[in-house]
Amino acid sequence: MTVRRIQVALHAQAADLAGASRAGVEVGASATGADVKEALAALHPRLQGLLASSVLATDREYLSDGAAVGDEASLHLIPPVSGG
């Protein structure tokens, strides 16, 4: 299996829980958004509860959990936002 490394920028509460603003994860060549979230949970277990309601994004678009990550070398993890 071909493995690649993806850098994920962690935003807001995700960064607070992980204690870092970036995380490097290894996923397979045909990884989906769900695969990246699973790798993040393994690396930073404190993110587990937040990942189901968070969204991954490229610099251009949001990715569903079932979407292929493609050739992206970096992504953003965006937790839910509230306010008013």
C-alpha atoms as a PDB file:
ATOM      1  CA  MET A   1       0.000   0.000   0.000  1.00  0.00           C
ATOM      2  CA  THR A   2       1.305   3.424  -0.923  1.00  0.00           C
ATOM      3  CA  VAL A   3       1.377   5.775   2.044  1.00  0.00           C
ATOM      4  CA  ARG A   4       1.510   9.540   1.882  1.00  0.00           C
ATOM      5  CA  ARG A   5       1.859  12.226   4.495  1.00  0.00           C
ATOM      6  CA  ILE A   6      -0.689  15.022   4.746  1.00  0.00           C
ATOM      7  CA  GLN A   7      -0.341  18.125   6.884  1.00  0.00           C
ATOM      8  CA  VAL A   8      -3.578  19.191   8.563  1.00  0.00           C
ATOM      9  CA  ALA A   9      -3.988  22.715   9.939  1.00  0.00           C
ATOM     10  CA  LEU A  10      -6.014  22.542  13.141  1.00  0.00           C
ATOM     11  CA  HIS A  11      -8.282  25.490  13.829  1.00  0.00           C
ATOM     12  CA  ALA A  12     -10.025  26.872  16.940  1.00  0.00           C
ATOM     13  CA  GLN A  13     -11.070  24.188  19.446  1.00  0.00           C
ATOM     14  CA  ALA A  14      -9.277  21.457  17.473  1.00  0.00           C
ATOM     15  CA  ALA A  15      -5.950  23.235  17.976  1.00  0.00           C
ATOM     16  CA  ASP A  16      -6.728  23.725  21.669  1.00  0.00           C
ATOM     17  CA  LEU A  17      -7.531  20.037  22.199  1.00  0.00           C
ATOM     18  CA  ALA A  18      -4.506  18.815  20.250  1.00  0.00           C
ATOM     19  CA  GLY A  19      -2.154  21.357  21.774  1.00  0.00           C
ATOM     20  CA  ALA A  20      -0.862  22.162  18.293  1.00  0.00           C
ATOM     21  CA  SER A  21      -1.890  24.135  15.235  1.00  0.00           C
ATOM     22  CA  ARG A  22      -0.751  21.467  12.752  1.00  0.00           C
ATOM     23  CA  ALA A  23      -0.660  17.683  12.599  1.00  0.00           C
ATOM     24  CA  GLY A  24       1.043  15.400  10.118  1.00  0.00           C
ATOM     25  CA  VAL A  25      -0.821  12.165   9.377  1.00  0.00           C
ATOM     26  CA  GLU A  26      -0.076   9.216   7.135  1.00  0.00           C
ATOM     27  CA  VAL A  27      -2.867   7.833   4.959  1.00  0.00           C
ATOM     28  CA  GLY A  28      -3.164   5.520   1.981  1.00  0.00           C
ATOM     29  CA  ALA A  29      -3.111   6.713  -1.614  1.00  0.00           C
ATOM     30  CA  SER A  30      -6.901   6.392  -1.931  1.00  0.00           C
ATOM     31  CA  ALA A  31      -7.688   8.062   1.409  1.00  0.00           C
ATOM     32  CA  THR A  32     -11.024   9.714   2.099  1.00  0.00           C
ATOM     33  CA  GLY A  33     -11.901  12.504   4.483  1.00  0.00           C
ATOM     34  CA  ALA A  34     -12.971   9.851   7.010  1.00  0.00           C
ATOM     35  CA  ASP A  35      -9.537   8.197   6.737  1.00  0.00           C
ATOM     36  CA  VAL A  36      -7.818  11.498   7.523  1.00  0.00           C
ATOM     37  CA  LYS A  37     -10.103  12.043  10.534  1.00  0.00           C
ATOM     38  CA  GLU A  38      -9.362   8.509  11.754  1.00  0.00           C
ATOM     39  CA  ALA A  39      -5.629   9.171  11.496  1.00  0.00           C
ATOM     40  CA  LEU A  40      -6.068  12.439  13.398  1.00  0.00           C
ATOM     41  CA  ALA A  41      -7.984  10.635  16.169  1.00  0.00           C
ATOM     42  CA  ALA A  42      -5.187   8.073  16.470  1.00  0.00           C
ATOM     43  CA  LEU A  43      -2.565  10.819  16.692  1.00  0.00           C
ATOM     44  CA  HIS A  44      -4.559  13.113  19.001  1.00  0.00           C
ATOM     45  CA  PRO A  45      -7.170  11.067  20.941  1.00  0.00           C
ATOM     46  CA  ARG A  46      -8.587  14.229  22.553  1.00  0.00           C
ATOM     47  CA  LEU A  47      -9.970  15.196  19.118  1.00  0.00           C
ATOM     48  CA  GLN A  48     -12.169  12.075  18.938  1.00  0.00           C
ATOM     49  CA  GLY A  49     -15.390  13.725  20.143  1.00  0.00           C
ATOM     50  CA  LEU A  50     -14.936  16.774  17.938  1.00  0.00           C
ATOM     51  CA  LEU A  51     -14.175  15.041  14.639  1.00  0.00           C
ATOM     52  CA  ALA A  52     -17.722  13.876  13.841  1.00  0.00           C
ATOM     53  CA  SER A  53     -18.963  17.472  13.758  1.00  0.00           C
ATOM     54  CA  SER A  54     -15.847  18.945  12.113  1.00  0.00           C
ATOM     55  CA  VAL A  55     -15.235  19.469   8.409  1.00  0.00           C
ATOM     56  CA  LEU A  56     -12.077  18.952   6.384  1.00  0.00           C
ATOM     57  CA  ALA A  57     -11.288  21.462   3.665  1.00  0.00           C
ATOM     58  CA  THR A  58      -8.717  22.120   0.989  1.00  0.00           C
ATOM     59  CA  ASP A  59      -7.764  25.693   0.190  1.00  0.00           C
ATOM     60  CA  ARG A  60     -10.642  25.688  -2.339  1.00  0.00           C
ATOM     61  CA  GLU A  61     -13.505  23.523  -1.015  1.00  0.00           C
ATOM     62  CA  TYR A  62     -14.991  21.504   1.825  1.00  0.00           C
ATOM     63  CA  LEU A  63     -14.627  17.717   1.716  1.00  0.00           C
ATOM     64  CA  SER A  64     -17.263  15.225   2.825  1.00  0.00           C
ATOM     65  CA  ASP A  65     -16.110  12.236   4.848  1.00  0.00           C
ATOM     66  CA  GLY A  66     -16.595  10.020   1.797  1.00  0.00           C
ATOM     67  CA  ALA A  67     -14.730  12.296  -0.605  1.00  0.00           C
ATOM     68  CA  ALA A  68     -11.329  11.247  -1.904  1.00  0.00           C
ATOM     69  CA  VAL A  69      -8.560  13.465  -0.596  1.00  0.00           C
ATOM     70  CA  GLY A  70      -6.862  13.493  -3.987  1.00  0.00           C
ATOM     71  CA  ASP A  71      -3.357  14.868  -4.334  1.00  0.00           C
ATOM     72  CA  GLU A  72      -3.732  17.386  -1.515  1.00  0.00           C
ATOM     73  CA  ALA A  73      -0.601  17.754   0.585  1.00  0.00           C
ATOM     74  CA  SER A  74      -2.366  19.854   3.189  1.00  0.00           C
ATOM     75  CA  LEU A  75      -5.885  20.209   4.568  1.00  0.00           C
ATOM     76  CA  HIS A  76      -7.697  22.229   7.217  1.00  0.00           C
ATOM     77  CA  LEU A  77      -9.778  20.756  10.054  1.00  0.00           C
ATOM     78  CA  ILE A  78     -12.584  23.172  10.841  1.00  0.00           C
ATOM     79  CA  PRO A  79     -14.599  22.480  13.983  1.00  0.00           C
ATOM     80  CA  PRO A  80     -18.180  23.712  14.400  1.00  0.00           C
ATOM     81  CA  VAL A  81     -18.483  27.448  14.921  1.00  0.00           C
ATOM     82  CA  SER A  82     -21.060  29.198  17.059  1.00  0.00           C
ATOM     83  CA  GLY A  83     -21.604  32.784  17.939  1.00  0.00           C
ATOM     84  CA  GLY A  84     -23.738  35.641  17.003  1.00  0.00           C
END
